[in-house]
Protein backbone atom coordinates (compact mmCIF):
# COMPACT_ATOMS: atom_id res chain seq x y z
CA UNK A 1 -39.99 -37.18 -16.59
CA UNK A 2 -43.47 -35.77 -17.14
CA UNK A 3 -43.89 -33.25 -19.93
CA UNK A 4 -44.93 -30.57 -17.43
CA UNK A 5 -41.57 -30.98 -15.66
CA UNK A 6 -39.57 -30.06 -18.75
CA UNK A 7 -38.26 -26.53 -18.47
CA UNK A 8 -39.06 -24.26 -21.43
CA UNK A 9 -35.84 -23.67 -23.32
CA UNK A 10 -34.41 -20.17 -23.50
CA UNK A 11 -31.12 -19.07 -25.06
CA UNK A 12 -29.40 -15.71 -24.85
CA UNK A 13 -26.74 -14.92 -27.45
CA UNK A 14 -24.30 -12.15 -26.63
CA UNK A 15 -21.90 -10.71 -29.21
CA UNK A 16 -19.06 -8.34 -28.44
CA UNK A 17 -16.61 -6.50 -30.70
CA UNK A 18 -14.03 -6.19 -27.97
CA UNK A 19 -11.51 -3.47 -27.24
CA UNK A 20 -8.09 -3.33 -28.87
CA UNK A 21 -6.59 -1.33 -25.98
CA UNK A 22 -3.92 -3.10 -23.92
CA UNK A 23 -5.11 -1.31 -20.78
CA UNK A 24 -8.38 -3.24 -21.15
CA UNK A 25 -6.54 -6.52 -21.59
CA UNK A 26 -4.86 -6.00 -18.23
CA UNK A 27 -8.25 -5.39 -16.61
CA UNK A 28 -9.76 -8.50 -18.18
CA UNK A 29 -6.83 -10.54 -16.91
CA UNK A 30 -7.77 -9.79 -13.30
CA UNK A 31 -11.04 -11.72 -13.72
CA UNK A 32 -9.33 -14.83 -15.12
CA UNK A 33 -8.16 -17.88 -13.19
CA UNK A 34 -4.46 -18.58 -12.84
CA UNK A 35 -4.74 -21.38 -15.40
CA UNK A 36 -6.35 -18.97 -17.88
CA UNK A 37 -3.64 -16.37 -17.26
CA UNK A 38 -0.98 -19.00 -17.85
CA UNK A 39 -2.68 -20.06 -21.07
CA UNK A 40 -2.98 -16.44 -22.24
CA UNK A 41 0.77 -16.04 -21.77
CA UNK A 42 1.46 -18.91 -24.19
CA UNK A 43 -0.06 -17.12 -27.20
CA UNK A 44 2.63 -15.88 -29.55
CA UNK A 45 0.57 -13.17 -31.24
CA UNK A 46 -1.07 -10.33 -29.34
CA UNK A 47 -4.28 -10.60 -31.35
CA UNK A 48 -4.74 -14.25 -30.36
CA UNK A 49 -3.98 -13.43 -26.74
CA UNK A 50 -6.53 -10.60 -26.71
CA UNK A 51 -9.16 -12.83 -28.31
CA UNK A 52 -8.69 -15.53 -25.68
CA UNK A 53 -8.77 -13.08 -22.77
CA UNK A 54 -11.82 -11.24 -24.11
CA UNK A 55 -13.71 -14.50 -24.52
CA UNK A 56 -13.01 -15.73 -21.01
CA UNK A 57 -13.69 -12.29 -19.52
CA UNK A 58 -17.08 -12.06 -21.25
CA UNK A 59 -18.00 -15.64 -20.32
CA UNK A 60 -17.18 -15.01 -16.67
CA UNK A 61 -19.10 -11.72 -16.62
CA UNK A 62 -22.22 -13.39 -18.02
CA UNK A 63 -22.16 -16.55 -15.95
CA UNK A 64 -21.42 -14.72 -12.71
CA UNK A 65 -24.73 -12.90 -13.14
CA UNK A 66 -26.58 -16.20 -13.50
CA UNK A 67 -25.11 -17.84 -10.42
CA UNK A 68 -24.76 -14.80 -8.16
CA UNK A 69 -21.01 -14.47 -7.73
CA UNK A 70 -18.16 -12.32 -8.99
CA UNK A 71 -16.50 -13.19 -12.33
CA UNK A 72 -13.23 -14.29 -10.74
CA UNK A 73 -15.04 -16.87 -8.57
CA UNK A 74 -16.68 -18.72 -11.46
CA UNK A 75 -15.20 -22.23 -11.56
CA UNK A 76 -15.14 -24.39 -14.68
CA UNK A 77 -14.68 -28.14 -14.89
CA UNK A 78 -14.56 -30.43 -17.92
CA UNK A 79 -17.17 -33.08 -18.61
CA UNK A 80 -16.27 -36.56 -19.87
CA UNK A 81 -15.77 -35.18 -23.40
CA UNK A 82 -13.67 -32.26 -22.24
CA UNK A 83 -16.40 -29.65 -22.73
CA UNK A 84 -16.37 -26.99 -19.98
CA UNK A 85 -19.29 -26.62 -17.59
CA UNK A 86 -19.91 -24.90 -14.27
CA UNK A 87 -18.62 -26.76 -11.24
CA UNK A 88 -21.45 -28.37 -9.29
CA UNK A 89 -24.18 -27.15 -11.66
CA UNK A 90 -26.06 -28.61 -14.60
CA UNK A 91 -27.34 -25.19 -15.71
CA UNK A 92 -26.95 -22.89 -17.40
CA UNK A 93 -25.31 -24.53 -20.38
CA UNK A 94 -22.99 -22.28 -22.36
CA UNK A 95 -20.72 -22.07 -25.36
CA UNK A 96 -18.04 -19.58 -26.41
CA UNK A 97 -16.58 -18.65 -29.79
CA UNK A 98 -14.23 -15.93 -30.99
CA UNK A 99 -12.87 -14.89 -34.36
CA UNK A 100 -10.88 -11.84 -35.41
CA UNK A 101 -12.28 -9.14 -33.14
CA UNK A 102 -15.61 -10.73 -32.22
CA UNK A 103 -16.61 -12.82 -29.22
CA UNK A 104 -19.92 -14.69 -29.17
CA UNK A 105 -21.40 -16.50 -26.16
CA UNK A 106 -24.59 -18.55 -25.89
CA UNK A 107 -26.10 -19.12 -22.43
CA UNK A 108 -28.97 -21.62 -22.36
CA UNK A 109 -31.56 -22.90 -19.91
CA UNK A 110 -33.69 -25.97 -20.58
CA UNK A 111 -31.43 -27.34 -23.33
CA UNK A 112 -29.57 -30.62 -23.42
CA UNK A 113 -26.82 -29.19 -25.62
CA UNK A 114 -25.81 -25.77 -26.91
CA UNK A 115 -23.00 -24.64 -29.19
CA UNK A 116 -22.02 -21.41 -30.90
CA UNK A 117 -19.43 -20.58 -33.52
CA UNK A 118 -18.36 -17.48 -35.48
CA UNK A 119 -16.22 -16.88 -38.53
CA UNK A 120 -15.32 -13.91 -40.71
CA UNK A 121 -17.78 -13.72 -43.57
CA UNK A 122 -14.94 -13.06 -46.02
CA UNK A 123 -12.70 -15.94 -44.94
CA UNK A 124 -11.52 -17.94 -47.96
CA UNK A 125 -12.42 -21.62 -48.05
CA UNK A 126 -10.60 -23.64 -50.67
CA UNK A 127 -12.39 -26.18 -52.83
CA UNK A 128 -10.49 -29.05 -51.18
CA UNK A 129 -11.73 -27.91 -47.76
CA UNK A 130 -15.34 -27.83 -49.02
CA UNK A 131 -14.88 -31.42 -50.20
CA UNK A 132 -13.59 -32.42 -46.76
CA UNK A 133 -16.45 -30.99 -44.68
CA UNK A 134 -19.53 -30.90 -46.91
CA UNK A 135 -21.80 -33.83 -47.67
CA UNK A 136 -22.66 -34.67 -51.27
CA UNK A 137 -26.06 -32.95 -51.04
CA UNK A 138 -24.44 -29.82 -49.57
CA UNK A 139 -21.87 -29.69 -52.34
CA UNK A 140 -24.63 -29.94 -54.94
CA UNK A 141 -26.55 -27.16 -53.19
CA UNK A 142 -23.48 -24.92 -53.17
CA UNK A 143 -22.81 -25.62 -56.85
CA UNK A 144 -26.36 -24.54 -57.77
CA UNK A 145 -26.03 -21.16 -56.05
CA UNK A 146 -25.08 -18.03 -58.00
CA UNK A 147 -21.31 -17.62 -58.04
CA UNK A 148 -21.51 -14.44 -55.97
CA UNK A 149 -23.33 -16.22 -53.12
CA UNK A 150 -21.31 -19.44 -53.02
CA UNK A 151 -18.38 -18.29 -50.87
CA UNK A 152 -20.53 -16.85 -48.06
CA UNK A 153 -22.82 -19.88 -48.13
CA UNK A 154 -19.79 -22.14 -47.67
CA UNK A 155 -18.72 -20.10 -44.62
CA UNK A 156 -22.25 -20.32 -43.21
CA UNK A 157 -22.26 -24.11 -43.64
CA UNK A 158 -18.90 -24.46 -41.95
CA UNK A 159 -20.01 -22.27 -39.03
CA UNK A 160 -23.24 -24.24 -38.59
CA UNK A 161 -21.31 -27.51 -38.51
CA UNK A 162 -18.80 -26.16 -36.00
CA UNK A 163 -21.60 -24.96 -33.70
CA UNK A 164 -23.27 -28.38 -33.84
CA UNK A 165 -20.07 -30.31 -33.15
CA UNK A 166 -19.27 -27.93 -30.29
CA UNK A 167 -22.74 -28.50 -28.85
CA UNK A 168 -22.04 -32.23 -28.81
CA UNK A 169 -18.62 -31.64 -27.31
CA UNK A 170 -16.87 -33.70 -29.99
CA UNK A 171 -15.31 -31.02 -32.19
CA UNK A 172 -13.56 -32.31 -35.29
CA UNK A 173 -13.24 -35.79 -33.79
CA UNK A 174 -16.51 -36.28 -35.71
CA UNK A 175 -16.42 -36.15 -39.52
CA UNK A 176 -18.23 -32.88 -40.39
CA UNK A 177 -19.63 -34.53 -43.52
CA UNK A 178 -21.83 -36.59 -41.20
CA UNK A 179 -23.51 -33.37 -40.00
CA UNK A 180 -25.55 -32.28 -43.02
CA UNK A 181 -27.87 -29.29 -43.36
CA UNK A 182 -30.73 -28.26 -45.59
CA UNK A 183 -32.76 -25.05 -45.62
CA UNK A 184 -36.53 -24.78 -45.19
CA UNK A 185 -38.25 -21.39 -45.23
CA UNK A 186 -34.85 -19.76 -44.84
CA UNK A 187 -33.97 -21.67 -41.66
CA UNK A 188 -31.15 -24.26 -41.60
CA UNK A 189 -31.98 -27.68 -40.22
CA UNK A 190 -30.03 -30.84 -39.49
CA UNK A 191 -30.85 -33.63 -41.92
CA UNK A 192 -30.97 -37.07 -40.34
CA UNK A 193 -31.76 -40.09 -42.50
CA UNK A 194 -33.41 -37.95 -45.15
CA UNK A 195 -35.60 -35.96 -42.74
CA UNK A 196 -35.12 -33.21 -40.17
CA UNK A 197 -34.14 -34.03 -36.60
CA UNK A 198 -36.72 -31.99 -34.69
CA UNK A 199 -34.83 -32.08 -31.40
CA UNK A 200 -32.16 -29.83 -32.87
CA UNK A 201 -32.53 -26.14 -33.64
CA UNK A 202 -30.04 -24.12 -35.68
CA UNK A 203 -29.88 -20.44 -36.47
CA UNK A 204 -27.64 -18.00 -38.26
CA UNK A 205 -27.51 -14.92 -36.03
CA UNK A 206 -27.09 -11.28 -37.01
CA UNK A 207 -23.86 -10.10 -35.37
CA UNK A 208 -23.71 -6.47 -36.44
CA UNK A 209 -20.23 -7.13 -37.84
CA UNK A 210 -18.50 -8.87 -40.74
CA UNK A 211 -18.94 -12.25 -39.07
CA UNK A 212 -21.23 -15.24 -39.44
CA UNK A 213 -22.54 -16.45 -36.07
CA UNK A 214 -24.23 -19.85 -35.87
CA UNK A 215 -26.16 -21.42 -32.99
CA UNK A 216 -26.96 -25.09 -32.38
CA UNK A 217 -29.23 -26.24 -29.56
CA UNK A 218 -30.89 -29.52 -28.63
CA UNK A 219 -34.18 -29.10 -26.76
CA UNK A 220 -36.89 -31.56 -25.78
CA UNK A 221 -39.38 -28.77 -25.06
CA UNK A 222 -39.85 -27.41 -28.56
CA UNK A 223 -38.33 -24.42 -30.29
CA UNK A 224 -36.29 -22.44 -27.73
CA UNK A 225 -36.81 -18.76 -27.18
CA UNK A 226 -33.74 -17.03 -28.59
CA UNK A 227 -32.66 -13.47 -27.85
CA UNK A 228 -29.56 -11.63 -29.03
CA UNK A 229 -27.84 -8.58 -27.60
CA UNK A 230 -24.59 -6.68 -27.99
CA UNK A 231 -22.39 -6.59 -24.90
CA UNK A 232 -21.30 -3.21 -23.60
CA UNK A 233 -18.26 -3.44 -21.33
CA UNK A 234 -19.12 -0.64 -18.95
CA UNK A 235 -17.06 -1.79 -15.95
CA UNK A 236 -14.23 0.58 -16.86
CA UNK A 237 -14.62 2.24 -20.27
CA UNK A 238 -11.50 2.97 -22.30
CA UNK A 239 -10.47 6.56 -22.83
């Protein structure tokens, strides 16, 4: 492929602090596939059910705009690693994450891989867990931070790793200690063999909430253009 044929990469990140009203859950459900409705019904706790439905509702709303259809007609299939993609289409790529009241979606054009993850900034990560997912250099970096910054930095590292593994479609089948980060000029970067892998781009994204949102994207056309917006569900506002 000639360089001029490579599409400039662009990524839109959408964050949504979704409704807690059950009347909205019922409306979201109408946009979901039967398989998604069946899966929603399996959740034991209402909060987990709402999180799942909100994520799929938002994803369908966004992707339907890209491909010119209604949300209920968006069809997902799994690739060879089980990662969802649009049926019959290579683009846009997308990734979905949700955590305790927040949904985050990344929709990308011109990227080979994209992944997003979010976690509560105040989630507690035990020392044993840090040992299990951080590389030696990351553990040393955490230990050198002021005590008041260490817990949030550990959450940020975990979220960055999750976004990267989601982008690859491997999840925790890959040892997260093999995905190591270092910071340069305030921007996290993947360390590969002692240097930075310039195909990959990682960002911590302002969410407007008490969450850490991390993006991972692989692009052959340089640093992708990244925009962030807050989703407003105006299809039928709650009273």
